[in-house]
Protein backbone atom coordinates (compact mmCIF):
# COMPACT_ATOMS: atom_id res chain seq x y z
CA MET A 1 0.04 -0.04 0.15
CA SER A 2 1.27 3.39 -0.88
CA GLY A 3 -0.16 6.83 -0.70
CA LYS A 4 -0.39 9.66 1.76
CA ILE A 5 -1.56 10.06 5.19
CA TYR A 6 -2.46 13.37 7.04
CA ILE A 7 -1.79 13.92 10.71
CA PHE A 8 -3.38 16.33 12.88
CA TYR A 9 -0.97 18.20 15.26
CA TYR A 10 -1.69 20.20 18.31
CA ASN A 11 0.72 22.15 20.69
CA ASP A 12 -0.87 23.68 23.75
CA CYS A 13 2.18 25.97 24.50
CA ILE A 14 4.46 26.88 21.69
CA PHE A 15 7.06 28.46 24.10
CA GLU A 16 7.47 25.30 26.39
CA SER A 17 6.47 21.99 24.50
CA ALA A 18 6.58 20.34 21.15
CA PRO A 19 3.75 19.40 18.93
CA PHE A 20 2.07 15.91 19.38
CA ALA A 21 0.05 13.97 16.80
CA VAL A 22 -3.91 13.98 17.77
CA SER A 23 -5.06 11.89 14.90
CA LEU A 24 -4.23 10.16 11.67
CA HIS A 25 -6.33 10.42 8.36
CA TYR A 26 -6.52 9.07 4.97
CA THR A 27 -7.90 12.58 3.62
CA LYS A 28 -6.97 16.02 4.16
CA LYS A 29 -10.71 16.81 4.61
CA GLY A 30 -10.74 14.37 7.48
CA ALA A 31 -7.96 15.86 9.19
CA TYR A 32 -9.12 19.48 8.94
CA GLN A 33 -12.72 18.18 10.40
CA ALA A 34 -10.79 16.80 13.34
CA MET A 35 -8.66 19.93 13.87
CA ARG A 36 -12.07 22.09 13.81
CA LYS A 37 -13.66 19.82 16.27
CA HIS A 38 -10.73 20.19 18.57
CA ARG A 39 -10.46 23.98 18.35
CA ILE A 40 -14.18 24.13 19.37
CA LYS A 41 -13.69 21.93 22.05
CA CYS A 42 -10.91 24.08 23.56
CA TYR A 43 -13.08 27.21 23.08
CA ASN A 44 -15.93 25.72 24.94
CA GLU A 45 -13.66 24.56 27.84
CA TYR A 46 -12.36 28.04 27.96
CA MET A 47 -15.82 29.66 28.12
CA GLU A 48 -16.95 27.32 30.96
CA ILE A 49 -13.65 28.00 32.94
CA PHE A 50 -13.72 31.73 32.96
CA ASP A 51 -16.71 34.02 34.24
CA LYS A 52 -17.84 36.80 31.86
CA GLU A 53 -16.16 39.42 33.77
CA PHE A 54 -12.78 37.80 33.40
CA ARG A 55 -13.03 36.67 30.02
CA ARG A 56 -11.05 38.48 27.45
CA ASP A 57 -11.39 38.04 23.55
CA TRP A 58 -10.54 34.39 22.95
CA ARG A 59 -7.49 34.23 21.01
CA ASP A 60 -6.92 30.42 20.35
CA ASP A 61 -3.79 31.15 18.34
CA PHE A 62 -1.75 32.85 21.03
CA GLY A 63 0.57 30.37 22.36
CA LYS A 64 -1.08 27.34 20.80
CA ALA A 65 -0.76 25.77 17.34
CA TRP A 66 -3.03 23.49 15.21
CA PHE A 67 -1.59 22.33 12.00
CA ILE A 68 -1.87 19.35 9.53
CA GLY A 69 1.06 17.32 8.63
CA GLU A 70 1.38 14.93 5.52
CA LYS A 71 3.43 11.81 5.32
CA GLU A 72 4.14 9.29 2.49
CA ILE A 73 3.22 5.89 3.07
CA LYS A 74 5.45 3.41 1.45
CA PRO A 75 5.26 -0.35 1.01
């Protein structure tokens, strides 16, 4: 079997840690769907933790990273 596999990576703190693979997908669309679900989950957790008066604009890109990687599968 040969082809490509798409990897959804996440890094919760770009200043102190390295990214890790969250999930593997056969299609780029599947990887992006997983990334979108994960970002929504992080947003909802943030909104539950902080009260309205302590919330600031939720900037999910500050100090965090979400991205898709691509690897070749060889027989």
